[in-house]
Amino acid sequence: MALTLFDLDNTLLAGDSDYLWGCFLAQQGIVDSATYERENAQFYRDYHAGSLDITAFLRFSLRPLREHSRSLLETLRQQFVTEQIEPIMLPAARALIAAHQAAGDTLVIITATNAFVTAPIAERFGIAHLIATEPAEINGQYTGEVAGIPAFRDGKVTRLEQWLAANGGDWHDSTFYSDSHNDLPLLERVTRPIAVDPDPQLRVIATARGWQMLSLRGSNNA
C-alpha cells in the first residue's frame, strides 16, 4: 500500500498554524501581546531562513500550554481552528487528499507544529494519522517540555521511521508533499518528493533535481 505524507503549514494550509496560534493567543490576551508577537515573528523569520533553533522555539511556543488549564486551552483551540484555520484549508488540498484516499493510500500528516494545535486540523482534513511534535504532560497538564524527538528536519525522518516500525509500514512506495527547504531530509528519503508552492530555497533545489512541483493555490505548476 502506498504511503502518502503531507506537510501541513503552507502546504495543505495557506498559512502557518504554529505562527497563527501564537498570534491568536496574543490577540486573546493569553500572553503578553507585544513581547510574544515580537518573539513569535522572529522565530517565524528564522524558520524561513533555515536558522531556527528548534529547542528555543519549542520552549517559547509550549510555555502557554503549561501556564493555562487544559479546559481553557481546548476552548481557545476550538475557536482558533474555526476562526483562523478553517478559512485557510485549501480546497485543492482537500481534493488531493481525496484522490489519495480513493487510491487506497495510507495518509499521514507530518509536521513540526505541536500535536495540541494540529490534531483537530488533521481531523478536519480527514487524515487519521498524525506525526507531530508532542508536548509532554503529567496527569493531563502540559509541562512546557517536549516528549520525544521534535518532528523537525531530520527529526521528521526519525519519527516516521518509528511510526513505520510500530505500524508495519515501509518506504517502498512513498510520496511526500512539502513547501519547505526545512523538509529536505524527508524529501530526499521518499520515493517521490513533491514540492508544493515551494519556498525560494526549495524551488531552486527541486528545479535542479527535477522534482515535481505543483501549486494548491491556483495554478497547475508552482
C-alpha atoms as a PDB file:
ATOM      1  CA  MET A   1       0.000   0.000   0.000  1.00  0.00           C
ATOM      2  CA  ALA A   2       1.363   3.429  -0.960  1.00  0.00           C
ATOM      3  CA  LEU A   3       2.429   5.803   1.800  1.00  0.00           C
ATOM      4  CA  THR A   4       1.461   9.446   1.215  1.00  0.00           C
ATOM      5  CA  LEU A   5       2.880  12.088   3.532  1.00  0.00           C
ATOM      6  CA  PHE A   6       1.799  15.705   3.795  1.00  0.00           C
ATOM      7  CA  ASP A   7       3.491  18.614   5.469  1.00  0.00           C
ATOM      8  CA  LEU A   8       0.815  20.844   6.975  1.00  0.00           C
ATOM      9  CA  ASP A   9       1.779  24.502   7.221  1.00  0.00           C
ATOM     10  CA  ASN A  10       1.931  26.355   3.905  1.00  0.00           C
ATOM     11  CA  THR A  11       1.306  23.046   2.145  1.00  0.00           C
ATOM     12  CA  LEU A  12      -2.236  21.912   2.958  1.00  0.00           C
ATOM     13  CA  LEU A  13      -2.877  25.252   4.649  1.00  0.00           C
ATOM     14  CA  ALA A  14      -2.483  28.706   3.111  1.00  0.00           C
ATOM     15  CA  GLY A  15      -0.623  29.792   6.224  1.00  0.00           C
ATOM     16  CA  ASP A  16       1.297  28.516   9.245  1.00  0.00           C
ATOM     17  CA  SER A  17      -0.786  27.155  12.116  1.00  0.00           C
ATOM     18  CA  ASP A  18       2.068  27.418  14.620  1.00  0.00           C
ATOM     19  CA  TYR A  19       2.658  31.096  13.890  1.00  0.00           C
ATOM     20  CA  LEU A  20      -1.065  31.852  13.735  1.00  0.00           C
ATOM     21  CA  TRP A  21      -1.686  30.125  17.076  1.00  0.00           C
ATOM     22  CA  GLY A  22       0.861  32.435  18.670  1.00  0.00           C
ATOM     23  CA  CYS A  23      -0.806  35.469  17.098  1.00  0.00           C
ATOM     24  CA  PHE A  24      -4.201  34.223  18.287  1.00  0.00           C
ATOM     25  CA  LEU A  25      -3.003  33.802  21.866  1.00  0.00           C
ATOM     26  CA  ALA A  26      -1.676  37.346  21.821  1.00  0.00           C
ATOM     27  CA  GLN A  27      -4.963  38.671  20.432  1.00  0.00           C
ATOM     28  CA  GLN A  28      -6.887  36.860  23.171  1.00  0.00           C
ATOM     29  CA  GLY A  29      -4.688  38.332  25.891  1.00  0.00           C
ATOM     30  CA  ILE A  30      -3.465  34.884  26.947  1.00  0.00           C
ATOM     31  CA  VAL A  31       0.149  36.002  26.567  1.00  0.00           C
ATOM     32  CA  ASP A  32       1.827  39.401  26.738  1.00  0.00           C
ATOM     33  CA  SER A  33       0.877  40.767  23.348  1.00  0.00           C
ATOM     34  CA  ALA A  34       3.785  42.983  22.338  1.00  0.00           C
ATOM     35  CA  THR A  35       6.575  40.746  23.623  1.00  0.00           C
ATOM     36  CA  TYR A  36       5.059  37.478  22.454  1.00  0.00           C
ATOM     37  CA  GLU A  37       4.203  38.699  18.966  1.00  0.00           C
ATOM     38  CA  ARG A  38       7.704  40.112  18.514  1.00  0.00           C
ATOM     39  CA  GLU A  39       9.355  36.837  19.526  1.00  0.00           C
ATOM     40  CA  ASN A  40       6.867  34.794  17.510  1.00  0.00           C
ATOM     41  CA  ALA A  41       7.622  36.822  14.389  1.00  0.00           C
ATOM     42  CA  GLN A  42      11.378  36.442  14.882  1.00  0.00           C
ATOM     43  CA  PHE A  43      11.132  32.660  15.230  1.00  0.00           C
ATOM     44  CA  TYR A  44       8.997  32.577  12.075  1.00  0.00           C
ATOM     45  CA  ARG A  45      11.652  34.532  10.171  1.00  0.00           C
ATOM     46  CA  ASP A  46      14.320  32.176  11.482  1.00  0.00           C
ATOM     47  CA  TYR A  47      12.301  29.196  10.264  1.00  0.00           C
ATOM     48  CA  HIS A  48      12.081  30.554   6.739  1.00  0.00           C
ATOM     49  CA  ALA A  49      15.767  31.445   6.778  1.00  0.00           C
ATOM     50  CA  GLY A  50      16.690  27.912   7.823  1.00  0.00           C
ATOM     51  CA  SER A  51      18.237  29.088  11.104  1.00  0.00           C
ATOM     52  CA  LEU A  52      15.513  28.155  13.593  1.00  0.00           C
ATOM     53  CA  ASP A  53      16.723  26.964  16.995  1.00  0.00           C
ATOM     54  CA  ILE A  54      14.021  24.352  17.482  1.00  0.00           C
ATOM     55  CA  THR A  55      14.790  23.892  21.191  1.00  0.00           C
ATOM     56  CA  ALA A  56      14.421  27.602  21.895  1.00  0.00           C
ATOM     57  CA  PHE A  57      11.314  27.838  19.773  1.00  0.00           C
ATOM     58  CA  LEU A  58       9.564  24.929  21.477  1.00  0.00           C
ATOM     59  CA  ARG A  59      10.438  26.315  24.899  1.00  0.00           C
ATOM     60  CA  PHE A  60       8.714  29.514  23.763  1.00  0.00           C
ATOM     61  CA  SER A  61       5.728  28.014  21.953  1.00  0.00           C
ATOM     62  CA  LEU A  62       4.862  25.353  24.546  1.00  0.00           C
ATOM     63  CA  ARG A  63       5.049  27.696  27.533  1.00  0.00           C
ATOM     64  CA  PRO A  64       1.398  28.843  27.204  1.00  0.00           C
ATOM     65  CA  LEU A  65       0.287  25.203  27.368  1.00  0.00           C
ATOM     66  CA  ARG A  66       1.989  24.912  30.751  1.00  0.00           C
ATOM     67  CA  GLU A  67       0.630  28.177  32.113  1.00  0.00           C
ATOM     68  CA  HIS A  68      -3.090  27.620  31.474  1.00  0.00           C
ATOM     69  CA  SER A  69      -5.660  24.959  32.235  1.00  0.00           C
ATOM     70  CA  ARG A  70      -6.439  22.215  29.759  1.00  0.00           C
ATOM     71  CA  SER A  71     -10.101  23.250  29.624  1.00  0.00           C
ATOM     72  CA  LEU A  72      -9.263  26.855  28.750  1.00  0.00           C
ATOM     73  CA  LEU A  73      -6.721  25.769  26.149  1.00  0.00           C
ATOM     74  CA  GLU A  74      -9.193  23.412  24.481  1.00  0.00           C
ATOM     75  CA  THR A  75     -11.860  26.139  24.358  1.00  0.00           C
ATOM     76  CA  LEU A  76      -9.368  28.541  22.788  1.00  0.00           C
ATOM     77  CA  ARG A  77      -8.223  25.890  20.327  1.00  0.00           C
ATOM     78  CA  GLN A  78     -11.759  25.260  19.117  1.00  0.00           C
ATOM     79  CA  GLN A  79     -12.216  28.969  18.482  1.00  0.00           C
ATOM     80  CA  PHE A  80      -8.805  29.188  16.807  1.00  0.00           C
ATOM     81  CA  VAL A  81      -9.457  26.321  14.406  1.00  0.00           C
ATOM     82  CA  THR A  82     -12.882  27.672  13.475  1.00  0.00           C
ATOM     83  CA  GLU A  83     -11.806  31.274  13.001  1.00  0.00           C
ATOM     84  CA  GLN A  84      -8.206  31.018  11.842  1.00  0.00           C
ATOM     85  CA  ILE A  85      -7.657  27.578  10.312  1.00  0.00           C
ATOM     86  CA  GLU A  86     -10.817  26.540   8.509  1.00  0.00           C
ATOM     87  CA  PRO A  87     -10.663  29.611   6.200  1.00  0.00           C
ATOM     88  CA  ILE A  88      -7.119  28.661   5.066  1.00  0.00           C
ATOM     89  CA  MET A  89      -7.746  24.967   4.428  1.00  0.00           C
ATOM     90  CA  LEU A  90      -7.095  24.880   0.696  1.00  0.00           C
ATOM     91  CA  PRO A  91      -9.843  23.339  -1.471  1.00  0.00           C
ATOM     92  CA  ALA A  92      -7.206  21.895  -3.810  1.00  0.00           C
ATOM     93  CA  ALA A  93      -5.570  20.255  -0.788  1.00  0.00           C
ATOM     94  CA  ARG A  94      -8.860  18.605   0.105  1.00  0.00           C
ATOM     95  CA  ALA A  95      -9.160  17.336  -3.483  1.00  0.00           C
ATOM     96  CA  LEU A  96      -5.606  15.984  -3.441  1.00  0.00           C
ATOM     97  CA  ILE A  97      -6.249  14.196  -0.153  1.00  0.00           C
ATOM     98  CA  ALA A  98      -9.480  12.714  -1.521  1.00  0.00           C
ATOM     99  CA  ALA A  99      -7.660  11.413  -4.608  1.00  0.00           C
ATOM    100  CA  HIS A 100      -5.065   9.606  -2.491  1.00  0.00           C
ATOM    101  CA  GLN A 101      -7.764   8.222  -0.213  1.00  0.00           C
ATOM    102  CA  ALA A 102      -9.652   6.925  -3.245  1.00  0.00           C
ATOM    103  CA  ALA A 103      -6.458   5.211  -4.411  1.00  0.00           C
ATOM    104  CA  GLY A 104      -6.268   3.379  -1.079  1.00  0.00           C
ATOM    105  CA  ASP A 105      -3.074   5.077   0.104  1.00  0.00           C
ATOM    106  CA  THR A 106      -2.065   5.346   3.749  1.00  0.00           C
ATOM    107  CA  LEU A 107      -2.151   9.087   4.519  1.00  0.00           C
ATOM    108  CA  VAL A 108      -0.089  10.799   7.210  1.00  0.00           C
ATOM    109  CA  ILE A 109       0.305  14.455   8.121  1.00  0.00           C
ATOM    110  CA  ILE A 110       3.830  15.017   9.416  1.00  0.00           C
ATOM    111  CA  THR A 111       4.507  18.411  10.944  1.00  0.00           C
ATOM    112  CA  ALA A 112       6.826  20.203  13.334  1.00  0.00           C
ATOM    113  CA  THR A 113       3.863  22.080  14.802  1.00  0.00           C
ATOM    114  CA  ASN A 114       2.808  20.567  18.097  1.00  0.00           C
ATOM    115  CA  ALA A 115       0.079  17.955  18.304  1.00  0.00           C
ATOM    116  CA  PHE A 116      -2.163  20.051  20.553  1.00  0.00           C
ATOM    117  CA  VAL A 117      -2.605  22.551  17.736  1.00  0.00           C
ATOM    118  CA  THR A 118      -2.564  20.142  14.806  1.00  0.00           C
ATOM    119  CA  ALA A 119      -4.674  17.164  15.932  1.00  0.00           C
ATOM    120  CA  PRO A 120      -8.032  18.851  15.208  1.00  0.00           C
ATOM    121  CA  ILE A 121      -6.678  20.171  11.899  1.00  0.00           C
ATOM    122  CA  ALA A 122      -5.719  16.679  10.752  1.00  0.00           C
ATOM    123  CA  GLU A 123      -9.178  15.528  11.789  1.00  0.00           C
ATOM    124  CA  ARG A 124     -10.809  18.228   9.681  1.00  0.00           C
ATOM    125  CA  PHE A 125      -8.780  17.122   6.669  1.00  0.00           C
ATOM    126  CA  GLY A 126      -9.985  13.574   7.265  1.00  0.00           C
ATOM    127  CA  ILE A 127      -6.485  12.198   7.855  1.00  0.00           C
ATOM    128  CA  ALA A 128      -6.326   9.705  10.691  1.00  0.00           C
ATOM    129  CA  HIS A 129      -2.554   9.536  11.107  1.00  0.00           C
ATOM    130  CA  LEU A 130      -0.618  12.487  12.525  1.00  0.00           C
ATOM    131  CA  ILE A 131       3.068  12.698  13.348  1.00  0.00           C
ATOM    132  CA  ALA A 132       3.691  15.977  15.148  1.00  0.00           C
ATOM    133  CA  THR A 133       5.916  17.377  17.862  1.00  0.00           C
ATOM    134  CA  GLU A 134       4.440  16.017  21.100  1.00  0.00           C
ATOM    135  CA  PRO A 135       4.058  18.278  24.143  1.00  0.00           C
ATOM    136  CA  ALA A 136       4.956  16.474  27.360  1.00  0.00           C
ATOM    137  CA  GLU A 137       2.286  16.210  30.018  1.00  0.00           C
ATOM    138  CA  ILE A 138       1.884  14.897  33.549  1.00  0.00           C
ATOM    139  CA  ASN A 139      -1.536  13.948  34.876  1.00  0.00           C
ATOM    140  CA  GLY A 140      -3.236  15.734  31.987  1.00  0.00           C
ATOM    141  CA  GLN A 141      -1.347  19.013  32.467  1.00  0.00           C
ATOM    142  CA  TYR A 142       1.206  20.148  29.911  1.00  0.00           C
ATOM    143  CA  THR A 143       4.716  20.704  31.277  1.00  0.00           C
ATOM    144  CA  GLY A 144       6.055  23.053  28.607  1.00  0.00           C
ATOM    145  CA  GLU A 145       8.597  20.421  27.528  1.00  0.00           C
ATOM    146  CA  VAL A 146       8.739  18.117  24.513  1.00  0.00           C
ATOM    147  CA  ALA A 147       8.030  14.396  24.685  1.00  0.00           C
ATOM    148  CA  GLY A 148      10.469  12.554  22.449  1.00  0.00           C
ATOM    149  CA  ILE A 149      12.031  13.936  19.271  1.00  0.00           C
ATOM    150  CA  PRO A 150      10.560  17.054  17.627  1.00  0.00           C
ATOM    151  CA  ALA A 151       9.207  16.340  14.143  1.00  0.00           C
ATOM    152  CA  PHE A 152      11.546  18.886  12.575  1.00  0.00           C
ATOM    153  CA  ARG A 153      14.144  18.417   9.820  1.00  0.00           C
ATOM    154  CA  ASP A 154      15.950  15.094  10.466  1.00  0.00           C
ATOM    155  CA  GLY A 155      13.523  14.531  13.304  1.00  0.00           C
ATOM    156  CA  LYS A 156      10.759  14.002  10.759  1.00  0.00           C
ATOM    157  CA  VAL A 157      12.705  11.093   9.278  1.00  0.00           C
ATOM    158  CA  THR A 158      13.358   9.591  12.701  1.00  0.00           C
ATOM    159  CA  ARG A 159       9.766   9.994  13.842  1.00  0.00           C
ATOM    160  CA  LEU A 160       8.458   8.478  10.607  1.00  0.00           C
ATOM    161  CA  GLU A 161      10.813   5.515  10.923  1.00  0.00           C
ATOM    162  CA  GLN A 162       9.468   4.957  14.438  1.00  0.00           C
ATOM    163  CA  TRP A 163       5.903   5.204  13.168  1.00  0.00           C
ATOM    164  CA  LEU A 164       6.561   2.758  10.315  1.00  0.00           C
ATOM    165  CA  ALA A 165       8.161   0.259  12.691  1.00  0.00           C
ATOM    166  CA  ALA A 166       5.159   0.484  15.005  1.00  0.00           C
ATOM    167  CA  ASN A 167       2.616   0.215  12.185  1.00  0.00           C
ATOM    168  CA  GLY A 168       4.266  -2.344   9.943  1.00  0.00           C
ATOM    169  CA  GLY A 169       4.881   0.016   7.032  1.00  0.00           C
ATOM    170  CA  ASP A 170       7.887   0.793   4.850  1.00  0.00           C
ATOM    171  CA  TRP A 171       9.358   3.391   2.500  1.00  0.00           C
ATOM    172  CA  HIS A 172       8.944   1.295  -0.666  1.00  0.00           C
ATOM    173  CA  ASP A 173       6.188   3.355  -2.322  1.00  0.00           C
ATOM    174  CA  SER A 174       6.256   6.744  -0.594  1.00  0.00           C
ATOM    175  CA  THR A 175       5.339  10.312  -1.555  1.00  0.00           C
ATOM    176  CA  PHE A 176       5.918  13.483   0.430  1.00  0.00           C
ATOM    177  CA  TYR A 177       4.321  16.861  -0.308  1.00  0.00           C
ATOM    178  CA  SER A 178       6.031  19.878   1.250  1.00  0.00           C
ATOM    179  CA  ASP A 179       6.633  23.581   0.685  1.00  0.00           C
ATOM    180  CA  SER A 180       9.773  23.972   2.809  1.00  0.00           C
ATOM    181  CA  HIS A 181      13.514  23.523   2.418  1.00  0.00           C
ATOM    182  CA  ASN A 182      13.474  22.568   6.107  1.00  0.00           C
ATOM    183  CA  ASP A 183      11.912  19.286   4.965  1.00  0.00           C
ATOM    184  CA  LEU A 184      14.822  18.298   2.715  1.00  0.00           C
ATOM    185  CA  PRO A 185      15.848  15.321   4.890  1.00  0.00           C
ATOM    186  CA  LEU A 186      12.444  13.691   4.379  1.00  0.00           C
ATOM    187  CA  LEU A 187      12.043  14.844   0.778  1.00  0.00           C
ATOM    188  CA  GLU A 188      15.359  13.170  -0.019  1.00  0.00           C
ATOM    189  CA  ARG A 189      14.292   9.949   1.681  1.00  0.00           C
ATOM    190  CA  VAL A 190      10.958   9.227  -0.018  1.00  0.00           C
ATOM    191  CA  THR A 191      10.336   7.667  -3.409  1.00  0.00           C
ATOM    192  CA  ARG A 192       8.523  10.720  -4.802  1.00  0.00           C
ATOM    193  CA  PRO A 193       9.381  14.152  -3.382  1.00  0.00           C
ATOM    194  CA  ILE A 194       6.860  16.798  -4.478  1.00  0.00           C
ATOM    195  CA  ALA A 195       7.428  20.499  -3.859  1.00  0.00           C
ATOM    196  CA  VAL A 196       4.132  22.284  -3.188  1.00  0.00           C
ATOM    197  CA  ASP A 197       4.170  26.067  -3.661  1.00  0.00           C
ATOM    198  CA  PRO A 198       7.829  25.807  -2.657  1.00  0.00           C
ATOM    199  CA  ASP A 199       9.758  28.450  -0.786  1.00  0.00           C
ATOM    200  CA  PRO A 200      12.623  30.024  -2.778  1.00  0.00           C
ATOM    201  CA  GLN A 201      15.283  27.676  -1.415  1.00  0.00           C
ATOM    202  CA  LEU A 202      13.251  24.545  -2.122  1.00  0.00           C
ATOM    203  CA  ARG A 203      12.280  25.791  -5.577  1.00  0.00           C
ATOM    204  CA  VAL A 204      15.942  26.049  -6.573  1.00  0.00           C
ATOM    205  CA  ILE A 205      16.692  22.561  -5.264  1.00  0.00           C
ATOM    206  CA  ALA A 206      13.569  20.983  -6.774  1.00  0.00           C
ATOM    207  CA  THR A 207      14.336  22.545 -10.153  1.00  0.00           C
ATOM    208  CA  ALA A 208      17.954  21.346 -10.095  1.00  0.00           C
ATOM    209  CA  ARG A 209      16.943  17.811  -9.156  1.00  0.00           C
ATOM    210  CA  GLY A 210      13.964  17.564 -11.473  1.00  0.00           C
ATOM    211  CA  TRP A 211      11.443  17.061  -8.692  1.00  0.00           C
ATOM    212  CA  GLN A 212       7.780  17.528  -9.414  1.00  0.00           C
ATOM    213  CA  MET A 213       6.370  20.887  -8.374  1.00  0.00           C
ATOM    214  CA  LEU A 214       2.724  21.821  -8.047  1.00  0.00           C
ATOM    215  CA  SER A 215       0.532  24.529  -6.599  1.00  0.00           C
ATOM    216  CA  LEU A 216      -2.514  24.061  -4.433  1.00  0.00           C
ATOM    217  CA  ARG A 217      -3.227  27.784  -4.623  1.00  0.00           C
ATOM    218  CA  GLY A 218      -4.370  28.176  -8.210  1.00  0.00           C
ATOM    219  CA  SER A 219      -2.045  27.071 -10.997  1.00  0.00           C
ATOM    220  CA  ASN A 220      -1.024  23.575 -12.028  1.00  0.00           C
ATOM    221  CA  ASN A 221       2.678  24.285 -11.651  1.00  0.00           C
ATOM    222  CA  ALA A 222       4.229  26.127  -8.741  1.00  0.00           C
END
